C-alpha atoms as a PDB file:
ATOM      1  CA  MET A   1      -1.296 -28.942  -5.463  1.00  0.00           C
ATOM      2  CA  ASP A   2      -4.830 -27.205  -5.763  1.00  0.00           C
ATOM      3  CA  ILE A   3      -5.770 -25.030  -2.243  1.00  0.00           C
ATOM      4  CA  THR A   4      -9.374 -25.175  -1.724  1.00  0.00           C
ATOM      5  CA  THR A   5     -10.814 -24.284   1.809  1.00  0.00           C
ATOM      6  CA  THR A   6     -14.561 -22.875   2.253  1.00  0.00           C
ATOM      7  CA  LEU A   7     -15.441 -20.135   4.429  1.00  0.00           C
ATOM      8  CA  THR A   8     -18.543 -20.265   5.898  1.00  0.00           C
ATOM      9  CA  ALA A   9     -20.662 -17.028   7.199  1.00  0.00           C
ATOM     10  CA  SER A  10     -20.243 -16.883  11.013  1.00  0.00           C
ATOM     11  CA  ALA A  11     -23.110 -17.266  13.119  1.00  0.00           C
ATOM     12  CA  ASP A  12     -21.262 -14.584  15.529  1.00  0.00           C
ATOM     13  CA  PRO A  13     -20.438 -11.520  13.507  1.00  0.00           C
ATOM     14  CA  ALA A  14     -18.283 -10.404  16.261  1.00  0.00           C
ATOM     15  CA  ARG A  15     -15.825 -13.112  15.958  1.00  0.00           C
ATOM     16  CA  LEU A  16     -12.806 -11.907  13.223  1.00  0.00           C
ATOM     17  CA  MET A  17      -9.989 -14.271  13.854  1.00  0.00           C
ATOM     18  CA  ALA A  18     -10.138 -17.084  11.651  1.00  0.00           C
ATOM     19  CA  PRO A  19      -9.125 -20.602  12.311  1.00  0.00           C
ATOM     20  CA  THR A  20      -5.453 -21.444  11.465  1.00  0.00           C
ATOM     21  CA  GLU A  21      -6.005 -23.449   8.442  1.00  0.00           C
ATOM     22  CA  ILE A  22      -8.242 -20.510   6.970  1.00  0.00           C
ATOM     23  CA  ARG A  23      -5.181 -17.929   8.079  1.00  0.00           C
ATOM     24  CA  ASP A  24      -3.020 -20.236   5.950  1.00  0.00           C
ATOM     25  CA  ALA A  25      -4.911 -20.724   3.242  1.00  0.00           C
ATOM     26  CA  TYR A  26      -5.576 -16.870   3.192  1.00  0.00           C
ATOM     27  CA  ARG A  27      -2.084 -16.452   3.035  1.00  0.00           C
ATOM     28  CA  ASP A  28      -1.306 -19.101   0.481  1.00  0.00           C
ATOM     29  CA  VAL A  29      -3.936 -18.116  -1.784  1.00  0.00           C
ATOM     30  CA  LEU A  30      -3.637 -14.314  -1.687  1.00  0.00           C
ATOM     31  CA  GLY A  31       0.190 -14.488  -2.321  1.00  0.00           C
ATOM     32  CA  LYS A  32      -1.000 -15.831  -5.860  1.00  0.00           C
ATOM     33  CA  PHE A  33      -1.801 -12.156  -6.561  1.00  0.00           C
ATOM     34  CA  CYS A  34       1.116 -10.236  -8.010  1.00  0.00           C
ATOM     35  CA  THR A  35       1.338  -6.488  -6.230  1.00  0.00           C
ATOM     36  CA  GLY A  36       3.889  -3.825  -6.905  1.00  0.00           C
ATOM     37  CA  VAL A  37       6.278  -3.034  -4.111  1.00  0.00           C
ATOM     38  CA  VAL A  38       5.892   0.265  -2.703  1.00  0.00           C
ATOM     39  CA  VAL A  39       7.765   2.101  -0.003  1.00  0.00           C
ATOM     40  CA  VAL A  40       5.929   5.225   1.539  1.00  0.00           C
ATOM     41  CA  THR A  41       8.220   7.768   3.077  1.00  0.00           C
ATOM     42  CA  ALA A  42       7.714  10.670   5.157  1.00  0.00           C
ATOM     43  CA  ARG A  43       9.470  12.459   8.070  1.00  0.00           C
ATOM     44  CA  ASP A  44       9.234  12.106  11.730  1.00  0.00           C
ATOM     45  CA  VAL A  45       8.888  15.043  14.821  1.00  0.00           C
ATOM     46  CA  ASN A  46      12.635  15.804  14.197  1.00  0.00           C
ATOM     47  CA  GLU A  47      12.232  16.094  10.241  1.00  0.00           C
ATOM     48  CA  GLU A  48      14.464  12.938  10.229  1.00  0.00           C
ATOM     49  CA  PRO A  49      13.204  10.570   6.928  1.00  0.00           C
ATOM     50  CA  ILE A  50      11.027   7.477   7.866  1.00  0.00           C
ATOM     51  CA  GLY A  51       9.555   4.614   5.680  1.00  0.00           C
ATOM     52  CA  LEU A  52       8.061   1.554   5.488  1.00  0.00           C
ATOM     53  CA  THR A  53       7.421  -1.056   2.745  1.00  0.00           C
ATOM     54  CA  VAL A  54       3.794  -1.413   1.698  1.00  0.00           C
ATOM     55  CA  GLY A  55       2.032  -4.413  -0.618  1.00  0.00           C
ATOM     56  CA  SER A  56      -1.365  -3.176  -1.102  1.00  0.00           C
ATOM     57  CA  PHE A  57      -1.339  -0.105  -2.557  1.00  0.00           C
ATOM     58  CA  SER A  58      -3.873   1.193  -5.369  1.00  0.00           C
ATOM     59  CA  SER A  59      -5.181   4.118  -7.107  1.00  0.00           C
ATOM     60  CA  VAL A  60      -8.552   5.584  -5.891  1.00  0.00           C
ATOM     61  CA  SER A  61      -9.763   8.171  -7.924  1.00  0.00           C
ATOM     62  CA  MET A  62      -8.814  10.804 -10.550  1.00  0.00           C
ATOM     63  CA  GLU A  63     -11.380  13.137  -9.668  1.00  0.00           C
ATOM     64  CA  PRO A  64     -10.124  14.232  -6.948  1.00  0.00           C
ATOM     65  CA  ALA A  65      -6.711  12.491  -7.516  1.00  0.00           C
ATOM     66  CA  LEU A  66      -6.284   9.776  -4.619  1.00  0.00           C
ATOM     67  CA  VAL A  67      -4.281   6.983  -3.508  1.00  0.00           C
ATOM     68  CA  ALA A  68      -4.262   4.401  -1.171  1.00  0.00           C
ATOM     69  CA  PHE A  69      -2.287   1.469   0.744  1.00  0.00           C
ATOM     70  CA  PHE A  70      -3.064  -0.600   3.691  1.00  0.00           C
ATOM     71  CA  VAL A  71      -0.810  -0.576   7.012  1.00  0.00           C
ATOM     72  CA  GLY A  72      -1.032  -3.396   9.574  1.00  0.00           C
ATOM     73  CA  HIS A  73      -2.010  -1.964  13.110  1.00  0.00           C
ATOM     74  CA  GLY A  74       1.175  -2.917  14.541  1.00  0.00           C
ATOM     75  CA  SER A  75       3.151  -0.759  12.401  1.00  0.00           C
ATOM     76  CA  THR A  76       5.634   1.801  14.656  1.00  0.00           C
ATOM     77  CA  THR A  77       6.346   3.642  11.516  1.00  0.00           C
ATOM     78  CA  PHE A  78       2.715   4.773  10.588  1.00  0.00           C
ATOM     79  CA  PRO A  79       1.654   6.838  13.321  1.00  0.00           C
ATOM     80  CA  LYS A  80       4.740   8.777  12.860  1.00  0.00           C
ATOM     81  CA  VAL A  81       3.811   9.153   8.842  1.00  0.00           C
ATOM     82  CA  ARG A  82       0.077   9.959  10.155  1.00  0.00           C
ATOM     83  CA  GLU A  83       1.493  12.616  12.243  1.00  0.00           C
ATOM     84  CA  TYR A  84       3.562  14.241   9.599  1.00  0.00           C
ATOM     85  CA  GLY A  85       0.200  14.130   7.310  1.00  0.00           C
ATOM     86  CA  HIS A  86       2.138  13.929   4.162  1.00  0.00           C
ATOM     87  CA  PHE A  87       3.721  10.754   2.271  1.00  0.00           C
ATOM     88  CA  CYS A  88       5.546  10.113  -0.816  1.00  0.00           C
ATOM     89  CA  ALA A  89       4.790   6.549  -2.330  1.00  0.00           C
ATOM     90  CA  ASN A  90       8.061   5.139  -4.103  1.00  0.00           C
ATOM     91  CA  ILE A  91       7.290   2.498  -6.542  1.00  0.00           C
ATOM     92  CA  LEU A  92      10.517   0.016  -6.323  1.00  0.00           C
ATOM     93  CA  ALA A  93      12.449  -0.296  -9.542  1.00  0.00           C
ATOM     94  CA  ALA A  94      13.161  -4.411 -10.255  1.00  0.00           C
ATOM     95  CA  ASP A  95      16.478  -3.556  -9.214  1.00  0.00           C
ATOM     96  CA  GLN A  96      15.529  -2.135  -5.877  1.00  0.00           C
ATOM     97  CA  HIS A  97      14.814  -5.568  -4.255  1.00  0.00           C
ATOM     98  CA  ASP A  98      17.113  -4.837  -1.073  1.00  0.00           C
ATOM     99  CA  LEU A  99      15.090  -1.490  -0.418  1.00  0.00           C
ATOM    100  CA  GLY A 100      12.276  -3.277  -0.225  1.00  0.00           C
ATOM    101  CA  ARG A 101      13.472  -5.573   2.211  1.00  0.00           C
ATOM    102  CA  THR A 102      15.414  -2.678   4.054  1.00  0.00           C
ATOM    103  CA  PHE A 103      11.925  -0.962   4.445  1.00  0.00           C
ATOM    104  CA  ALA A 104      10.009  -3.820   5.772  1.00  0.00           C
ATOM    105  CA  ARG A 105      12.317  -4.136   8.711  1.00  0.00           C
ATOM    106  CA  ARG A 106      11.870  -2.512  12.250  1.00  0.00           C
ATOM    107  CA  GLY A 107      14.279  -0.971  14.053  1.00  0.00           C
ATOM    108  CA  ALA A 108      16.696  -0.546  11.343  1.00  0.00           C
ATOM    109  CA  ASP A 109      18.480   2.991  10.311  1.00  0.00           C
ATOM    110  CA  LYS A 110      16.436   2.396   6.851  1.00  0.00           C
ATOM    111  CA  PHE A 111      17.995   5.472   5.342  1.00  0.00           C
ATOM    112  CA  ALA A 112      21.423   4.245   6.052  1.00  0.00           C
ATOM    113  CA  GLY A 113      23.056   4.840   1.936  1.00  0.00           C
ATOM    114  CA  VAL A 114      19.806   5.673   0.531  1.00  0.00           C
ATOM    115  CA  GLU A 115      19.941   8.290  -1.825  1.00  0.00           C
ATOM    116  CA  TRP A 116      16.551  10.990  -2.041  1.00  0.00           C
ATOM    117  CA  SER A 117      15.537  14.000  -2.203  1.00  0.00           C
ATOM    118  CA  ALA A 118      12.987  16.135  -1.018  1.00  0.00           C
ATOM    119  CA  ALA A 119       9.488  16.117  -3.319  1.00  0.00           C
ATOM    120  CA  ALA A 120       7.285  18.899  -2.724  1.00  0.00           C
ATOM    121  CA  THR A 121       5.664  17.979   0.683  1.00  0.00           C
ATOM    122  CA  GLY A 122       9.108  17.375   2.092  1.00  0.00           C
ATOM    123  CA  SER A 123       8.565  13.602   2.288  1.00  0.00           C
ATOM    124  CA  PRO A 124      11.809  11.572   0.730  1.00  0.00           C
ATOM    125  CA  ARG A 125      11.757  10.690  -3.024  1.00  0.00           C
ATOM    126  CA  LEU A 126      13.841   7.875  -3.114  1.00  0.00           C
ATOM    127  CA  ALA A 127      16.500   7.863  -6.146  1.00  0.00           C
ATOM    128  CA  GLY A 128      16.075   5.212  -8.923  1.00  0.00           C
ATOM    129  CA  ALA A 129      12.505   4.431  -8.138  1.00  0.00           C
ATOM    130  CA  HIS A 130       9.958   3.189 -10.677  1.00  0.00           C
ATOM    131  CA  ALA A 131       7.754   6.034 -10.030  1.00  0.00           C
ATOM    132  CA  TRP A 132       6.901   8.289  -7.422  1.00  0.00           C
ATOM    133  CA  ILE A 133       3.682   9.712  -6.215  1.00  0.00           C
ATOM    134  CA  ASP A 134       3.789  12.883  -3.363  1.00  0.00           C
ATOM    135  CA  CYS A 135       0.570  12.607  -1.572  1.00  0.00           C
ATOM    136  CA  VAL A 136      -1.177  14.575   2.008  1.00  0.00           C
ATOM    137  CA  VAL A 137      -3.174  12.100   3.865  1.00  0.00           C
ATOM    138  CA  ASP A 138      -6.692  12.853   3.209  1.00  0.00           C
ATOM    139  CA  ASP A 139      -8.303  10.049   5.204  1.00  0.00           C
ATOM    140  CA  VAL A 140      -6.965   6.645   7.664  1.00  0.00           C
ATOM    141  CA  ARG A 141      -9.988   4.158   8.476  1.00  0.00           C
ATOM    142  CA  ALA A 142      -9.652   1.112  10.396  1.00  0.00           C
ATOM    143  CA  VAL A 143     -10.598  -2.045   8.202  1.00  0.00           C
ATOM    144  CA  GLY A 144      -9.761  -5.277  10.254  1.00  0.00           C
ATOM    145  CA  ASP A 145      -6.475  -5.753  11.556  1.00  0.00           C
ATOM    146  CA  HIS A 146      -5.108  -2.890   9.206  1.00  0.00           C
ATOM    147  CA  ASP A 147      -5.962   1.070   8.324  1.00  0.00           C
ATOM    148  CA  LEU A 148      -6.638   2.048   5.037  1.00  0.00           C
ATOM    149  CA  VAL A 149      -4.689   5.328   4.091  1.00  0.00           C
ATOM    150  CA  VAL A 150      -5.982   7.529   1.252  1.00  0.00           C
ATOM    151  CA  GLY A 151      -3.631  10.385  -0.225  1.00  0.00           C
ATOM    152  CA  ARG A 152      -4.620  13.057  -1.858  1.00  0.00           C
ATOM    153  CA  ILE A 153      -2.126  13.458  -4.499  1.00  0.00           C
ATOM    154  CA  THR A 154      -0.097  16.727  -4.687  1.00  0.00           C
ATOM    155  CA  GLU A 155       3.038  15.544  -7.339  1.00  0.00           C
ATOM    156  CA  LEU A 156       4.270  12.623  -9.279  1.00  0.00           C
ATOM    157  CA  GLY A 157       6.247  11.166 -11.798  1.00  0.00           C
ATOM    158  CA  ALA A 158       7.571   8.179 -13.361  1.00  0.00           C
ATOM    159  CA  SER A 159      10.668   7.100 -15.023  1.00  0.00           C
ATOM    160  CA  ALA A 160       9.962   5.482 -18.574  1.00  0.00           C
ATOM    161  CA  GLN A 161      13.824   3.514 -18.413  1.00  0.00           C
ATOM    162  CA  ARG A 162      12.528   1.497 -15.544  1.00  0.00           C
ATOM    163  CA  GLU A 163      10.570  -1.825 -14.969  1.00  0.00           C
ATOM    164  CA  PRO A 164       8.830  -2.224 -11.478  1.00  0.00           C
ATOM    165  CA  LEU A 165       9.865  -4.618  -8.657  1.00  0.00           C
ATOM    166  CA  LEU A 166       6.900  -7.272  -8.220  1.00  0.00           C
ATOM    167  CA  PHE A 167       5.954  -9.373  -5.321  1.00  0.00           C
ATOM    168  CA  TYR A 168       4.831 -12.632  -5.722  1.00  0.00           C
ATOM    169  CA  SER A 169       4.558 -16.128  -3.700  1.00  0.00           C
ATOM    170  CA  SER A 170       6.240 -14.253  -0.830  1.00  0.00           C
ATOM    171  CA  THR A 171       9.418 -13.125  -3.103  1.00  0.00           C
ATOM    172  CA  PHE A 172      10.441 -10.723  -5.834  1.00  0.00           C
ATOM    173  CA  HIS A 173       9.895 -10.805  -9.305  1.00  0.00           C
ATOM    174  CA  ARG A 174      10.547  -8.982 -12.401  1.00  0.00           C
ATOM    175  CA  LEU A 175       8.132  -8.049 -15.154  1.00  0.00           C
ATOM    176  CA  HIS A 176       8.265  -9.640 -18.749  1.00  0.00           C
ATOM    177  CA  PRO A 177       5.972  -9.325 -21.377  1.00  0.00           C
ATOM    178  CA  ALA A 178       3.439 -12.185 -22.076  1.00  0.00           C
ATOM    179  CA  GLY A 179       4.927 -14.378 -24.860  1.00  0.00           C
ATOM    180  CA  THR A 180       8.745 -13.823 -23.934  1.00  0.00           C
ATOM    181  CA  PRO A 181      11.013 -16.434 -22.463  1.00  0.00           C
END
């Protein structure tokens, strides 16, 4: 079944919440956009590793070298990342779907049994990641019900031997080249 919903401009620009049916259609339609899975890691004030899964991650600029991600205002982890001032964006490999789920949870010891090493900024670089990008927090701006976080890249690397983990239609997937079974 096709999903078609028409959004009309509101006479009241202060109205930020869409009706339930619009929010549901928004989730359904935007769920059709495939994204990579990124775990943003940092340290807290006690130097303990912290992290969270983000689904909206993007390159921003080559000069200067910038990346960005979005995080919901309700995140309890991001304020600690912001305070640390550095983060490592770990692009998960196809076999790391359990890490994607683990770091999306609240309150659990997310690093229990997880191998990692410190990147240049001290942020955790997850073992086995498809790629990683170590950053300094450059800018944070409120955008709707999320914060846009811009990171200035200090170091980065990738594994030529691994394929990325993808998120599509509310579940994890593997990458397969077009035209292959």
